Amino acid sequence: MTATDPLVSTEWLAAHMGDANVKIVDASFKLPGVLPLPKDDYLAAHLPGAVFFDVDAVSDHSNPLPHMFPSAEQFGRDVGNLGIGNSDTVVLYDAGGWVAAPRAWWMFLSYGHGNVRILNGGLKKWRTEGRAIESGEVKPKPATFTASYDAKRVRSMQQLIANLESRKEQVIDARAADRFEGRAPEPRPGIRSGHIPGARNVPYNLLFDAATGEMKPLEELRAAFTNAGVKLDAPIVTSCGSGVSAGVLTLALYRLGITDTALYDGSWSEWGQAGGPAIATGPA
């Protein structure tokens, strides 16, 4: 049985954005050093009523790695402060480059909130269609959000080191091929180039249409994985540079009915550190 499609259309959202229990969330993200900051983009233009979900803020601040999953208590507090309660339908979007909304979507699922969707095409498609936008900060009335963490949806470096021996789980890396193969430097300083030994490579940008920002049809998503040597009937862990674009692979797999994958939160920012575990270079 296929899971409920996590994507909603701009038409659906336009028809439902006035509903009291529909909460719209801008979850845009950029790599370090890319300006303007996503928060500044949000202040300049966002969907009516949308609040801003900052993946760097809603994270474990005691961990030096970028935007690691926070405690359930912190996630519940941060999300409640965005005006979101457990009975709300959360609709996430990003700038339309399919990078960050899937990460926030997987976080909501991992903290027990199943009623979460992603706007297909994001802000890009919304604006192309001439739909209403607002500027400035939305200040919601805080709500109570109780979170419970599902550890099965996330993997640690220790789990993936153990997996090097057992190879029970396939690791799929969402980074561009030149980074995966070790031909291009990493955007974060001091990080080695290459990939986790045995990993497969499905660059996340293969999964959406750059012109519209919409995700590709299911048969094209399926082909992107099978062409990369991924067995869709065997366990899968997604990975990337810092655990954000891996969510695009997670989302694509979910749309194909594969809902029990896990995401490697530390991703290459952790594995690629100097003195870290073994790395591989070249094609998968």
Protein backbone atom coordinates (compact mmCIF):
# COMPACT_ATOMS: atom_id res chain seq x y z
CA MET A 1 0.00 0.00 0.00
CA THR A 2 1.35 3.43 -0.89
CA ALA A 3 1.67 6.05 1.79
CA THR A 4 -0.29 9.27 1.61
CA ASP A 5 1.57 11.55 -0.80
CA PRO A 6 3.37 14.15 1.33
CA LEU A 7 3.09 16.72 -1.49
CA VAL A 8 0.25 19.19 -1.86
CA SER A 9 -0.37 21.44 -4.86
CA THR A 10 -0.44 25.23 -4.92
CA GLU A 11 -4.16 24.92 -5.80
CA TRP A 12 -4.81 22.84 -2.67
CA LEU A 13 -2.96 25.27 -0.42
CA ALA A 14 -4.65 28.33 -1.94
CA ALA A 15 -8.02 26.71 -1.17
CA HIS A 16 -7.06 25.74 2.42
CA MET A 17 -4.77 28.49 3.66
CA GLY A 18 -7.64 30.15 5.52
CA ASP A 19 -8.38 26.99 7.54
CA ALA A 20 -7.74 27.56 11.25
CA ASN A 21 -5.75 24.35 11.63
CA VAL A 22 -3.55 24.76 8.51
CA LYS A 23 -0.17 26.21 9.51
CA ILE A 24 2.16 27.35 6.71
CA VAL A 25 5.89 27.19 7.37
CA ASP A 26 8.81 28.56 5.32
CA ALA A 27 11.70 26.09 5.84
CA SER A 28 14.17 27.55 3.33
CA PHE A 29 17.89 26.90 3.89
CA LYS A 30 21.19 27.78 2.18
CA LEU A 31 24.74 26.53 2.54
CA PRO A 32 27.00 28.53 4.90
CA GLY A 33 28.15 31.84 3.42
CA VAL A 34 25.38 32.11 0.80
CA LEU A 35 23.63 35.48 1.07
CA PRO A 36 21.04 36.85 1.56
CA LEU A 37 20.27 34.65 4.56
CA PRO A 38 17.09 32.53 4.25
CA LYS A 39 15.51 34.52 7.12
CA ASP A 40 16.08 37.76 5.17
CA ASP A 41 14.52 36.19 2.06
CA TYR A 42 11.55 35.21 4.24
CA LEU A 43 11.17 38.74 5.61
CA ALA A 44 11.22 40.10 2.04
CA ALA A 45 8.63 37.66 0.64
CA HIS A 46 6.69 34.73 2.04
CA LEU A 47 3.33 33.01 1.68
CA PRO A 48 0.53 34.78 3.58
CA GLY A 49 0.63 33.85 7.26
CA ALA A 50 3.77 31.72 6.96
CA VAL A 51 6.16 31.44 9.91
CA PHE A 52 9.91 30.77 9.49
CA PHE A 53 11.42 27.43 10.53
CA ASP A 54 15.17 27.91 11.04
CA VAL A 55 16.86 24.50 10.75
CA ASP A 56 19.95 25.93 12.49
CA ALA A 57 17.88 27.23 15.42
CA VAL A 58 15.71 24.11 15.83
CA SER A 59 18.77 21.98 16.53
CA ASP A 60 21.03 20.63 19.26
CA HIS A 61 23.15 23.65 20.19
CA SER A 62 25.44 21.54 22.38
CA ASN A 63 26.61 19.62 19.29
CA PRO A 64 29.32 21.31 17.16
CA LEU A 65 28.02 19.58 14.02
CA PRO A 66 25.61 21.66 11.89
CA HIS A 67 21.87 21.50 12.74
CA MET A 68 21.72 18.10 14.45
CA PHE A 69 18.33 16.82 15.69
CA PRO A 70 17.40 18.47 19.03
CA SER A 71 15.77 16.80 22.03
CA ALA A 72 12.03 16.11 21.76
CA GLU A 73 11.48 18.75 24.46
CA GLN A 74 13.30 21.42 22.44
CA PHE A 75 11.57 20.49 19.18
CA GLY A 76 8.18 20.70 20.90
CA ARG A 77 9.01 24.06 22.46
CA ASP A 78 10.44 25.58 19.25
CA VAL A 79 7.53 24.36 17.10
CA GLY A 80 4.96 25.44 19.70
CA ASN A 81 6.51 28.92 19.62
CA LEU A 82 5.77 28.96 15.86
CA GLY A 83 2.08 28.65 16.75
CA ILE A 84 1.84 24.98 15.78
CA GLY A 85 -0.07 22.46 17.90
CA ASN A 86 -0.40 18.68 17.66
CA SER A 87 -3.79 18.88 15.91
CA ASP A 88 -2.59 21.20 13.13
CA THR A 89 -1.91 20.35 9.50
CA VAL A 90 1.61 21.65 8.81
CA VAL A 91 2.39 22.69 5.23
CA LEU A 92 6.10 23.30 4.63
CA TYR A 93 7.67 25.05 1.68
CA ASP A 94 11.06 26.39 0.68
CA ALA A 95 12.34 28.77 -1.98
CA GLY A 96 11.57 26.16 -4.64
CA GLY A 97 14.98 24.52 -5.02
CA TRP A 98 13.88 21.36 -3.15
CA VAL A 99 16.56 21.54 -0.55
CA ALA A 100 15.20 22.25 2.89
CA ALA A 101 11.47 21.62 3.24
CA PRO A 102 11.98 17.82 3.10
CA ARG A 103 14.43 18.02 6.03
CA ALA A 104 11.86 19.85 8.15
CA TRP A 105 9.16 17.38 7.00
CA TRP A 106 11.27 14.43 8.16
CA MET A 107 11.90 16.18 11.48
CA PHE A 108 8.16 16.57 12.04
CA LEU A 109 7.62 12.87 11.24
CA SER A 110 10.54 11.90 13.50
CA TYR A 111 8.99 13.82 16.40
CA GLY A 112 5.62 12.12 16.01
CA HIS A 113 3.68 14.59 13.84
CA GLY A 114 2.26 12.71 10.86
CA ASN A 115 0.00 15.49 9.59
CA VAL A 116 2.70 17.32 7.63
CA ARG A 117 2.88 18.13 3.92
CA ILE A 118 5.22 19.88 1.49
CA LEU A 119 4.13 22.45 -1.10
CA ASN A 120 5.12 21.05 -4.49
CA GLY A 121 7.15 23.72 -6.32
CA GLY A 122 7.51 25.89 -3.22
CA LEU A 123 7.64 29.66 -3.30
CA LYS A 124 8.96 29.56 -6.88
CA LYS A 125 5.83 27.97 -8.33
CA TRP A 126 3.55 30.01 -6.04
CA ARG A 127 5.06 33.27 -7.37
CA THR A 128 5.13 32.08 -10.98
CA GLU A 129 1.37 31.61 -10.71
CA GLY A 130 0.97 35.18 -9.47
CA ARG A 131 -0.37 34.19 -6.06
CA ALA A 132 -0.38 36.51 -3.04
CA ILE A 133 2.76 37.02 -0.99
CA GLU A 134 3.52 39.07 2.12
CA SER A 135 6.61 40.61 3.67
CA GLY A 136 7.71 41.10 7.27
CA GLU A 137 7.62 38.78 10.26
CA VAL A 138 4.54 36.76 11.23
CA LYS A 139 4.20 36.67 15.04
CA PRO A 140 1.98 33.70 15.91
CA LYS A 141 0.28 33.01 19.22
CA PRO A 142 2.32 30.21 20.86
CA ALA A 143 0.68 26.78 20.96
CA THR A 144 1.40 23.56 22.84
CA PHE A 145 3.22 20.94 20.80
CA THR A 146 4.15 17.66 22.48
CA ALA A 147 6.92 15.81 20.62
CA SER A 148 8.07 12.20 20.95
CA TYR A 149 11.26 11.17 19.18
CA ASP A 150 11.33 8.10 16.90
CA ALA A 151 15.00 7.07 16.78
CA LYS A 152 14.35 4.54 13.98
CA ARG A 153 14.12 7.39 11.47
CA VAL A 154 17.67 8.66 12.16
CA ARG A 155 21.16 7.09 12.05
CA SER A 156 24.36 7.97 13.91
CA MET A 157 27.95 7.65 12.67
CA GLN A 158 28.47 4.64 15.00
CA GLN A 159 25.54 2.85 13.36
CA LEU A 160 26.94 3.53 9.90
CA ILE A 161 30.45 2.41 10.90
CA ALA A 162 28.90 -0.90 12.07
CA ASN A 163 27.04 -1.05 8.75
CA LEU A 164 30.36 -1.01 6.83
CA GLU A 165 30.83 -4.60 7.99
CA SER A 166 27.27 -5.90 7.80
CA ARG A 167 26.13 -3.89 4.74
CA LYS A 168 22.57 -4.47 5.99
CA GLU A 169 21.55 -0.96 4.95
CA GLN A 170 22.23 0.76 1.63
CA VAL A 171 23.58 4.29 2.03
CA ILE A 172 22.47 6.76 -0.65
CA ASP A 173 24.28 10.11 -0.89
CA ALA A 174 22.38 13.14 -2.22
CA ARG A 175 25.43 15.30 -3.02
CA ALA A 176 26.52 16.21 -6.56
CA ALA A 177 28.61 13.55 -8.30
CA ASP A 178 31.84 15.60 -8.25
CA ARG A 179 31.63 15.90 -4.46
CA PHE A 180 30.63 12.26 -4.01
CA GLU A 181 33.54 11.09 -6.18
CA GLY A 182 36.01 13.37 -4.39
CA ARG A 183 36.79 15.57 -7.39
CA ALA A 184 35.42 18.78 -5.87
CA PRO A 185 36.26 20.37 -2.50
CA GLU A 186 33.62 20.36 0.22
CA PRO A 187 31.92 23.70 1.02
CA ARG A 188 32.75 23.32 4.72
CA PRO A 189 36.42 23.94 5.64
CA GLY A 190 38.56 21.05 6.86
CA ILE A 191 36.26 18.32 5.49
CA ARG A 192 37.82 15.55 3.40
CA SER A 193 36.51 14.77 -0.10
CA GLY A 194 34.86 11.50 -1.06
CA HIS A 195 32.06 9.28 0.23
CA ILE A 196 31.15 6.54 2.69
CA PRO A 197 32.53 3.23 1.35
CA GLY A 198 29.81 1.28 -0.46
CA ALA A 199 27.46 4.27 -0.76
CA ARG A 200 25.39 4.94 -3.88
CA ASN A 201 24.96 8.41 -5.38
CA VAL A 202 21.62 9.96 -6.35
CA PRO A 203 22.19 13.76 -6.61
CA TYR A 204 19.07 15.39 -5.18
CA ASN A 205 18.69 17.80 -8.11
CA LEU A 206 17.90 14.84 -10.40
CA LEU A 207 14.60 14.45 -8.54
CA PHE A 208 12.96 17.77 -9.35
CA ASP A 209 12.32 19.96 -12.36
CA ALA A 210 14.61 23.00 -12.10
CA ALA A 211 12.27 25.11 -14.26
CA THR A 212 9.18 24.70 -12.07
CA GLY A 213 10.59 23.53 -8.73
CA GLU A 214 8.14 20.60 -8.82
CA MET A 215 9.15 17.05 -7.99
CA LYS A 216 9.43 14.70 -10.96
CA PRO A 217 6.82 12.02 -11.72
CA LEU A 218 7.04 8.75 -9.78
CA GLU A 219 8.44 6.68 -12.65
CA GLU A 220 11.32 9.16 -13.08
CA LEU A 221 12.01 9.09 -9.33
CA ARG A 222 12.09 5.29 -9.41
CA ALA A 223 14.47 5.31 -12.38
CA ALA A 224 16.88 7.73 -10.65
CA PHE A 225 17.33 5.23 -7.79
CA THR A 226 17.43 2.02 -9.81
CA ASN A 227 19.89 3.54 -12.32
CA ALA A 228 22.19 4.31 -9.38
CA GLY A 229 22.13 0.66 -8.30
CA VAL A 230 19.73 1.11 -5.38
CA LYS A 231 17.57 -1.89 -4.44
CA LEU A 232 14.21 -0.39 -3.52
CA ASP A 233 13.15 -3.51 -1.58
CA ALA A 234 16.15 -3.42 0.80
CA PRO A 235 16.82 -1.10 3.80
CA ILE A 236 17.97 2.44 2.95
CA VAL A 237 19.74 5.26 4.80
CA THR A 238 19.97 8.67 3.11
CA SER A 239 22.96 10.99 3.53
CA CYS A 240 24.32 14.26 2.09
CA GLY A 241 26.55 17.17 3.18
CA SER A 242 24.88 18.00 6.49
CA GLY A 243 21.59 16.10 6.65
CA VAL A 244 19.41 18.56 4.74
CA SER A 245 19.32 17.54 1.05
CA ALA A 246 19.28 13.87 2.13
CA GLY A 247 15.66 14.64 2.98
CA VAL A 248 14.92 15.10 -0.73
CA LEU A 249 15.89 11.45 -1.30
CA THR A 250 13.86 10.45 1.77
CA LEU A 251 10.85 12.30 0.35
CA ALA A 252 11.20 10.75 -3.11
CA LEU A 253 11.42 7.27 -1.59
CA TYR A 254 8.39 7.99 0.62
CA ARG A 255 6.42 8.97 -2.47
CA LEU A 256 7.39 5.60 -3.98
CA GLY A 257 5.84 3.90 -0.92
CA ILE A 258 9.17 3.33 0.88
CA THR A 259 8.38 4.98 4.19
CA ASP A 260 10.74 3.16 6.58
CA THR A 261 14.06 4.73 5.54
CA ALA A 262 16.43 6.49 7.95
CA LEU A 263 18.45 9.72 7.58
CA TYR A 264 22.10 10.02 8.62
CA ASP A 265 21.93 13.25 10.60
CA GLY A 266 25.67 14.02 10.80
CA SER A 267 26.16 13.14 7.11
CA TRP A 268 29.41 14.15 5.41
CA SER A 269 30.04 17.08 7.81
CA GLU A 270 30.68 14.39 10.43
CA TRP A 271 32.07 11.45 8.44
CA GLY A 272 34.39 13.65 6.36
CA GLN A 273 36.20 15.24 9.30
CA ALA A 274 39.97 14.84 9.49
CA GLY A 275 40.81 11.60 11.26
CA GLY A 276 37.27 10.27 10.67
CA PRO A 277 36.29 6.81 9.35
CA ALA A 278 37.47 5.30 6.07
CA ILE A 279 36.44 7.12 2.90
CA ALA A 280 36.13 6.08 -0.74
CA THR A 281 36.61 8.16 -3.89
CA GLY A 282 35.64 7.71 -7.53
CA PRO A 283 32.29 6.50 -8.87
CA ALA A 284 30.05 4.27 -6.73
